[in-house]
Amino acid sequence: LSRPGEYYWADLIGLAVKTTDGVSLGRIARLFETGANDVIIVEGERERLIPYVWGQVVLEVDLDQAVMRVDWDPDF
């Protein structure tokens, strides 16, 4: 991996997604590209589309713990 925030999509699929407050949003089911940025599809109690914006939305990826931490409102 050359820079922080750069991962293969295959490495991210299946990771648990948690907010900065520790609220579980579900697991990454898949990702897709848009013109501006990639989008993470998180499946939990409902489906969420979260933009993959490193440092603003996506704050940490821990492949060893299989967790992605995001700055995201659980109600959104």
PDB file of N, CA and C in Angstrom:
ATOM      1  N   LEU A   1       0.847  -1.181   0.000  1.00  0.00           N
ATOM      2  CA  LEU A   1       0.000   0.000   0.000  1.00  0.00           C
ATOM      3  C   LEU A   1       0.889   1.240   0.000  1.00  0.00           C
ATOM      4  N   SER A   2       0.624   2.107  -0.915  1.00  0.00           N
ATOM      5  CA  SER A   2       1.552   3.220  -1.099  1.00  0.00           C
ATOM      6  C   SER A   2       1.263   4.406  -0.187  1.00  0.00           C
ATOM      7  N   ARG A   3      -0.014   4.687   0.095  1.00  0.00           N
ATOM      8  CA  ARG A   3      -0.339   5.854   0.916  1.00  0.00           C
ATOM      9  C   ARG A   3      -1.489   5.527   1.846  1.00  0.00           C
ATOM     10  N   PRO A   4      -1.571   6.254   2.978  1.00  0.00           N
ATOM     11  CA  PRO A   4      -2.716   6.046   3.877  1.00  0.00           C
ATOM     12  C   PRO A   4      -4.020   6.301   3.130  1.00  0.00           C
ATOM     13  N   GLY A   5      -5.000   5.464   3.394  1.00  0.00           N
ATOM     14  CA  GLY A   5      -6.293   5.644   2.756  1.00  0.00           C
ATOM     15  C   GLY A   5      -6.449   4.910   1.446  1.00  0.00           C
ATOM     16  N   GLU A   6      -5.383   4.282   0.966  1.00  0.00           N
ATOM     17  CA  GLU A   6      -5.461   3.528  -0.281  1.00  0.00           C
ATOM     18  C   GLU A   6      -5.455   2.040   0.030  1.00  0.00           C
ATOM     19  N   TYR A   7      -6.533   1.385  -0.341  1.00  0.00           N
ATOM     20  CA  TYR A   7      -6.691  -0.049  -0.104  1.00  0.00           C
ATOM     21  C   TYR A   7      -7.327  -0.675  -1.329  1.00  0.00           C
ATOM     22  N   TYR A   8      -7.092  -1.947  -1.500  1.00  0.00           N
ATOM     23  CA  TYR A   8      -7.836  -2.683  -2.511  1.00  0.00           C
ATOM     24  C   TYR A   8      -9.259  -2.878  -2.009  1.00  0.00           C
ATOM     25  N   TRP A   9     -10.225  -2.736  -2.903  1.00  0.00           N
ATOM     26  CA  TRP A   9     -11.620  -2.924  -2.507  1.00  0.00           C
ATOM     27  C   TRP A   9     -11.821  -4.286  -1.853  1.00  0.00           C
ATOM     28  N   ALA A  10     -11.177  -5.296  -2.395  1.00  0.00           N
ATOM     29  CA  ALA A  10     -11.349  -6.660  -1.859  1.00  0.00           C
ATOM     30  C   ALA A  10     -10.932  -6.741  -0.392  1.00  0.00           C
ATOM     31  N   ASP A  11      -9.983  -5.885   0.018  1.00  0.00           N
ATOM     32  CA  ASP A  11      -9.545  -5.874   1.420  1.00  0.00           C
ATOM     33  C   ASP A  11     -10.585  -5.233   2.333  1.00  0.00           C
ATOM     34  N   LEU A  12     -11.433  -4.375   1.779  1.00  0.00           N
ATOM     35  CA  LEU A  12     -12.412  -3.643   2.586  1.00  0.00           C
ATOM     36  C   LEU A  12     -13.738  -4.386   2.729  1.00  0.00           C
ATOM     37  N   ILE A  13     -14.081  -5.193   1.733  1.00  0.00           N
ATOM     38  CA  ILE A  13     -15.366  -5.912   1.774  1.00  0.00           C
ATOM     39  C   ILE A  13     -15.391  -6.846   2.975  1.00  0.00           C
ATOM     40  N   GLY A  14     -16.452  -6.739   3.756  1.00  0.00           N
ATOM     41  CA  GLY A  14     -16.610  -7.566   4.943  1.00  0.00           C
ATOM     42  C   GLY A  14     -16.192  -6.895   6.237  1.00  0.00           C
ATOM     43  N   LEU A  15     -15.478  -5.757   6.141  1.00  0.00           N
ATOM     44  CA  LEU A  15     -15.075  -5.069   7.363  1.00  0.00           C
ATOM     45  C   LEU A  15     -16.296  -4.538   8.108  1.00  0.00           C
ATOM     46  N   ALA A  16     -16.233  -4.582   9.429  1.00  0.00           N
ATOM     47  CA  ALA A  16     -17.252  -3.924  10.255  1.00  0.00           C
ATOM     48  C   ALA A  16     -17.034  -2.428  10.135  1.00  0.00           C
ATOM     49  N   VAL A  17     -18.136  -1.670  10.119  1.00  0.00           N
ATOM     50  CA  VAL A  17     -18.054  -0.215  10.041  1.00  0.00           C
ATOM     51  C   VAL A  17     -18.618   0.351  11.334  1.00  0.00           C
ATOM     52  N   LYS A  18     -17.803   1.167  12.005  1.00  0.00           N
ATOM     53  CA  LYS A  18     -18.218   1.770  13.266  1.00  0.00           C
ATOM     54  C   LYS A  18     -17.983   3.265  13.224  1.00  0.00           C
ATOM     55  N   THR A  19     -18.851   3.997  13.920  1.00  0.00           N
ATOM     56  CA  THR A  19     -18.678   5.441  14.003  1.00  0.00           C
ATOM     57  C   THR A  19     -17.586   5.763  15.014  1.00  0.00           C
ATOM     58  N   THR A  20     -17.217   7.024  15.092  1.00  0.00           N
ATOM     59  CA  THR A  20     -16.208   7.458  16.052  1.00  0.00           C
ATOM     60  C   THR A  20     -16.685   7.232  17.482  1.00  0.00           C
ATOM     61  N   ASP A  21     -18.007   7.151  17.682  1.00  0.00           N
ATOM     62  CA  ASP A  21     -18.580   6.881  19.009  1.00  0.00           C
ATOM     63  C   ASP A  21     -18.756   5.392  19.272  1.00  0.00           C
ATOM     64  N   GLY A  22     -18.334   4.544  18.326  1.00  0.00           N
ATOM     65  CA  GLY A  22     -18.425   3.101  18.515  1.00  0.00           C
ATOM     66  C   GLY A  22     -19.744   2.477  18.105  1.00  0.00           C
ATOM     67  N   VAL A  23     -20.626   3.250  17.443  1.00  0.00           N
ATOM     68  CA  VAL A  23     -21.899   2.708  16.979  1.00  0.00           C
ATOM     69  C   VAL A  23     -21.650   1.858  15.739  1.00  0.00           C
ATOM     70  N   SER A  24     -22.127   0.610  15.773  1.00  0.00           N
ATOM     71  CA  SER A  24     -21.952  -0.297  14.643  1.00  0.00           C
ATOM     72  C   SER A  24     -22.973   0.023  13.558  1.00  0.00           C
ATOM     73  N   LEU A  25     -22.484   0.229  12.328  1.00  0.00           N
ATOM     74  CA  LEU A  25     -23.367   0.523  11.201  1.00  0.00           C
ATOM     75  C   LEU A  25     -23.600  -0.705  10.327  1.00  0.00           C
ATOM     76  N   GLY A  26     -22.815  -1.753  10.522  1.00  0.00           N
ATOM     77  CA  GLY A  26     -22.934  -2.963   9.720  1.00  0.00           C
ATOM     78  C   GLY A  26     -21.597  -3.347   9.124  1.00  0.00           C
ATOM     79  N   ARG A  27     -21.651  -4.024   7.985  1.00  0.00           N
ATOM     80  CA  ARG A  27     -20.432  -4.467   7.298  1.00  0.00           C
ATOM     81  C   ARG A  27     -20.427  -3.972   5.857  1.00  0.00           C
ATOM     82  N   ILE A  28     -19.228  -3.780   5.334  1.00  0.00           N
ATOM     83  CA  ILE A  28     -19.095  -3.343   3.940  1.00  0.00           C
ATOM     84  C   ILE A  28     -19.492  -4.492   3.026  1.00  0.00           C
ATOM     85  N   ALA A  29     -20.522  -4.269   2.231  1.00  0.00           N
ATOM     86  CA  ALA A  29     -21.005  -5.289   1.301  1.00  0.00           C
ATOM     87  C   ALA A  29     -20.320  -5.153  -0.062  1.00  0.00           C
ATOM     88  N   ARG A  30     -20.143  -3.912  -0.495  1.00  0.00           N
ATOM     89  CA  ARG A  30     -19.495  -3.660  -1.776  1.00  0.00           C
ATOM     90  C   ARG A  30     -19.174  -2.181  -1.882  1.00  0.00           C
ATOM     91  N   LEU A  31     -18.487  -1.816  -2.936  1.00  0.00           N
ATOM     92  CA  LEU A  31     -18.134  -0.424  -3.210  1.00  0.00           C
ATOM     93  C   LEU A  31     -18.418  -0.153  -4.672  1.00  0.00           C
ATOM     94  N   PHE A  32     -18.605   1.118  -4.994  1.00  0.00           N
ATOM     95  CA  PHE A  32     -18.718   1.485  -6.395  1.00  0.00           C
ATOM     96  C   PHE A  32     -18.121   2.871  -6.607  1.00  0.00           C
ATOM     97  N   GLU A  33     -17.757   3.129  -7.860  1.00  0.00           N
ATOM     98  CA  GLU A  33     -17.132   4.394  -8.219  1.00  0.00           C
ATOM     99  C   GLU A  33     -18.178   5.395  -8.662  1.00  0.00           C
ATOM    100  N   THR A  34     -17.937   6.649  -8.303  1.00  0.00           N
ATOM    101  CA  THR A  34     -18.691   7.762  -8.880  1.00  0.00           C
ATOM    102  C   THR A  34     -17.654   8.699  -9.467  1.00  0.00           C
ATOM    103  N   GLY A  35     -18.079   9.750 -10.065  1.00  0.00           N
ATOM    104  CA  GLY A  35     -17.123  10.694 -10.630  1.00  0.00           C
ATOM    105  C   GLY A  35     -16.267  11.366  -9.567  1.00  0.00           C
ATOM    106  N   ALA A  36     -16.868  11.644  -8.415  1.00  0.00           N
ATOM    107  CA  ALA A  36     -16.159  12.400  -7.380  1.00  0.00           C
ATOM    108  C   ALA A  36     -15.337  11.497  -6.466  1.00  0.00           C
ATOM    109  N   ASN A  37     -15.948  10.429  -5.967  1.00  0.00           N
ATOM    110  CA  ASN A  37     -15.265   9.538  -5.028  1.00  0.00           C
ATOM    111  C   ASN A  37     -15.964   8.187  -5.019  1.00  0.00           C
ATOM    112  N   ASP A  38     -15.287   7.212  -4.435  1.00  0.00           N
ATOM    113  CA  ASP A  38     -15.893   5.895  -4.301  1.00  0.00           C
ATOM    114  C   ASP A  38     -16.944   5.941  -3.190  1.00  0.00           C
ATOM    115  N   VAL A  39     -17.890   5.023  -3.261  1.00  0.00           N
ATOM    116  CA  VAL A  39     -18.957   4.940  -2.270  1.00  0.00           C
ATOM    117  C   VAL A  39     -18.951   3.541  -1.660  1.00  0.00           C
ATOM    118  N   ILE A  40     -19.050   3.497  -0.333  1.00  0.00           N
ATOM    119  CA  ILE A  40     -19.091   2.246   0.413  1.00  0.00           C
ATOM    120  C   ILE A  40     -20.557   1.906   0.667  1.00  0.00           C
ATOM    121  N   ILE A  41     -20.954   0.688   0.361  1.00  0.00           N
ATOM    122  CA  ILE A  41     -22.307   0.225   0.675  1.00  0.00           C
ATOM    123  C   ILE A  41     -22.202  -0.642   1.915  1.00  0.00           C
ATOM    124  N   VAL A  42     -22.831  -0.162   2.990  1.00  0.00           N
ATOM    125  CA  VAL A  42     -22.782  -0.823   4.287  1.00  0.00           C
ATOM    126  C   VAL A  42     -24.132  -1.442   4.560  1.00  0.00           C
ATOM    127  N   GLU A  43     -24.132  -2.735   4.822  1.00  0.00           N
ATOM    128  CA  GLU A  43     -25.375  -3.432   5.152  1.00  0.00           C
ATOM    129  C   GLU A  43     -25.384  -3.774   6.624  1.00  0.00           C
ATOM    130  N   GLY A  44     -26.422  -3.282   7.302  1.00  0.00           N
ATOM    131  CA  GLY A  44     -26.621  -3.546   8.723  1.00  0.00           C
ATOM    132  C   GLY A  44     -28.109  -3.685   8.943  1.00  0.00           C
ATOM    133  N   GLU A  45     -28.647  -2.950   9.928  1.00  0.00           N
ATOM    134  CA  GLU A  45     -30.096  -2.997  10.128  1.00  0.00           C
ATOM    135  C   GLU A  45     -30.802  -2.359   8.942  1.00  0.00           C
ATOM    136  N   ARG A  46     -30.045  -1.555   8.181  1.00  0.00           N
ATOM    137  CA  ARG A  46     -30.502  -1.031   6.892  1.00  0.00           C
ATOM    138  C   ARG A  46     -29.271  -0.738   6.052  1.00  0.00           C
ATOM    139  N   GLU A  47     -29.482  -0.479   4.784  1.00  0.00           N
ATOM    140  CA  GLU A  47     -28.358  -0.195   3.891  1.00  0.00           C
ATOM    141  C   GLU A  47     -27.990   1.285   3.966  1.00  0.00           C
ATOM    142  N   ARG A  48     -26.697   1.552   4.024  1.00  0.00           N
ATOM    143  CA  ARG A  48     -26.203   2.930   4.019  1.00  0.00           C
ATOM    144  C   ARG A  48     -25.190   3.089   2.891  1.00  0.00           C
ATOM    145  N   LEU A  49     -25.212   4.237   2.261  1.00  0.00           N
ATOM    146  CA  LEU A  49     -24.217   4.599   1.255  1.00  0.00           C
ATOM    147  C   LEU A  49     -23.339   5.674   1.874  1.00  0.00           C
ATOM    148  N   ILE A  50     -22.067   5.376   2.041  1.00  0.00           N
ATOM    149  CA  ILE A  50     -21.141   6.280   2.713  1.00  0.00           C
ATOM    150  C   ILE A  50     -20.013   6.623   1.747  1.00  0.00           C
ATOM    151  N   PRO A  51     -19.761   7.908   1.518  1.00  0.00           N
ATOM    152  CA  PRO A  51     -18.668   8.269   0.602  1.00  0.00           C
ATOM    153  C   PRO A  51     -17.311   7.912   1.194  1.00  0.00           C
ATOM    154  N   TYR A  52     -16.455   7.347   0.356  1.00  0.00           N
ATOM    155  CA  TYR A  52     -15.101   7.020   0.788  1.00  0.00           C
ATOM    156  C   TYR A  52     -14.251   8.278   0.594  1.00  0.00           C
ATOM    157  N   VAL A  53     -14.239   9.108   1.629  1.00  0.00           N
ATOM    158  CA  VAL A  53     -13.431  10.326   1.609  1.00  0.00           C
ATOM    159  C   VAL A  53     -12.472  10.219   2.787  1.00  0.00           C
ATOM    160  N   TRP A  54     -11.227   9.867   2.478  1.00  0.00           N
ATOM    161  CA  TRP A  54     -10.229   9.611   3.509  1.00  0.00           C
ATOM    162  C   TRP A  54      -9.949  10.890   4.295  1.00  0.00           C
ATOM    163  N   GLY A  55      -9.938  10.746   5.623  1.00  0.00           N
ATOM    164  CA  GLY A  55      -9.601  11.856   6.497  1.00  0.00           C
ATOM    165  C   GLY A  55     -10.782  12.727   6.885  1.00  0.00           C
ATOM    166  N   GLN A  56     -11.870  12.661   6.127  1.00  0.00           N
ATOM    167  CA  GLN A  56     -13.075  13.425   6.456  1.00  0.00           C
ATOM    168  C   GLN A  56     -14.179  12.493   6.921  1.00  0.00           C
ATOM    169  N   VAL A  57     -14.461  11.472   6.132  1.00  0.00           N
ATOM    170  CA  VAL A  57     -15.489  10.489   6.491  1.00  0.00           C
ATOM    171  C   VAL A  57     -14.823   9.215   7.002  1.00  0.00           C
ATOM    172  N   VAL A  58     -13.926   8.661   6.218  1.00  0.00           N
ATOM    173  CA  VAL A  58     -13.194   7.454   6.612  1.00  0.00           C
ATOM    174  C   VAL A  58     -11.958   7.887   7.394  1.00  0.00           C
ATOM    175  N   LEU A  59     -11.939   7.531   8.679  1.00  0.00           N
ATOM    176  CA  LEU A  59     -10.865   7.994   9.551  1.00  0.00           C
ATOM    177  C   LEU A  59      -9.809   6.937   9.807  1.00  0.00           C
ATOM    178  N   GLU A  60     -10.209   5.660   9.770  1.00  0.00           N
ATOM    179  CA  GLU A  60      -9.258   4.594  10.082  1.00  0.00           C
ATOM    180  C   GLU A  60      -9.723   3.304   9.437  1.00  0.00           C
ATOM    181  N   VAL A  61      -8.766   2.566   8.913  1.00  0.00           N
ATOM    182  CA  VAL A  61      -9.011   1.202   8.449  1.00  0.00           C
ATOM    183  C   VAL A  61      -8.019   0.318   9.188  1.00  0.00           C
ATOM    184  N   ASP A  62      -8.555  -0.629   9.947  1.00  0.00           N
ATOM    185  CA  ASP A  62      -7.711  -1.568  10.690  1.00  0.00           C
ATOM    186  C   ASP A  62      -7.993  -2.956  10.136  1.00  0.00           C
ATOM    187  N   LEU A  63      -7.139  -3.390   9.197  1.00  0.00           N
ATOM    188  CA  LEU A  63      -7.352  -4.692   8.571  1.00  0.00           C
ATOM    189  C   LEU A  63      -7.154  -5.827   9.560  1.00  0.00           C
ATOM    190  N   ASP A  64      -6.267  -5.645  10.543  1.00  0.00           N
ATOM    191  CA  ASP A  64      -6.042  -6.691  11.547  1.00  0.00           C
ATOM    192  C   ASP A  64      -7.285  -6.921  12.399  1.00  0.00           C
ATOM    193  N   GLN A  65      -7.961  -5.838  12.766  1.00  0.00           N
ATOM    194  CA  GLN A  65      -9.181  -5.944  13.581  1.00  0.00           C
ATOM    195  C   GLN A  65     -10.445  -6.031  12.716  1.00  0.00           C
ATOM    196  N   ALA A  66     -10.279  -5.890  11.389  1.00  0.00           N
ATOM    197  CA  ALA A  66     -11.391  -5.943  10.429  1.00  0.00           C
ATOM    198  C   ALA A  66     -12.454  -4.885  10.733  1.00  0.00           C
ATOM    199  N   VAL A  67     -11.958  -3.637  10.973  1.00  0.00           N
ATOM    200  CA  VAL A  67     -12.855  -2.528  11.305  1.00  0.00           C
ATOM    201  C   VAL A  67     -12.472  -1.280  10.517  1.00  0.00           C
ATOM    202  N   MET A  68     -13.501  -0.575  10.038  1.00  0.00           N
ATOM    203  CA  MET A  68     -13.333   0.757   9.465  1.00  0.00           C
ATOM    204  C   MET A  68     -14.059   1.732  10.379  1.00  0.00           C
ATOM    205  N   ARG A  69     -13.372   2.796  10.775  1.00  0.00           N
ATOM    206  CA  ARG A  69     -14.004   3.833  11.605  1.00  0.00           C
ATOM    207  C   ARG A  69     -14.352   5.022  10.711  1.00  0.00           C
ATOM    208  N   VAL A  70     -15.582   5.510  10.890  1.00  0.00           N
ATOM    209  CA  VAL A  70     -16.069   6.601  10.049  1.00  0.00           C
ATOM    210  C   VAL A  70     -16.658   7.711  10.911  1.00  0.00           C
ATOM    211  N   ASP A  71     -16.579   8.913  10.401  1.00  0.00           N
ATOM    212  CA  ASP A  71     -17.245  10.066  10.996  1.00  0.00           C
ATOM    213  C   ASP A  71     -18.559  10.207  10.226  1.00  0.00           C
ATOM    214  N   TRP A  72     -19.603   9.540  10.733  1.00  0.00           N
ATOM    215  CA  TRP A  72     -20.859   9.463   9.998  1.00  0.00           C
ATOM    216  C   TRP A  72     -22.010   9.405  11.000  1.00  0.00           C
ATOM    217  N   ASP A  73     -23.056  10.150  10.738  1.00  0.00           N
ATOM    218  CA  ASP A  73     -24.231  10.166  11.605  1.00  0.00           C
ATOM    219  C   ASP A  73     -25.009   8.880  11.392  1.00  0.00           C
ATOM    220  N   PRO A  74     -25.189   8.071  12.450  1.00  0.00           N
ATOM    221  CA  PRO A  74     -25.908   6.801  12.308  1.00  0.00           C
ATOM    222  C   PRO A  74     -27.345   6.958  11.811  1.00  0.00           C
ATOM    223  N   ASP A  75     -27.934   8.148  11.979  1.00  0.00           N
ATOM    224  CA  ASP A  75     -29.300   8.382  11.520  1.00  0.00           C
ATOM    225  C   ASP A  75     -29.377   8.674  10.029  1.00  0.00           C
ATOM    226  N   PHE A  76     -28.237   8.906   9.403  1.00  0.00           N
ATOM    227  CA  PHE A  76     -28.234   9.257   7.988  1.00  0.00           C
ATOM    228  C   PHE A  76     -28.059   8.024   7.122  1.00  0.00           C
TER     229      PHE A  76
END
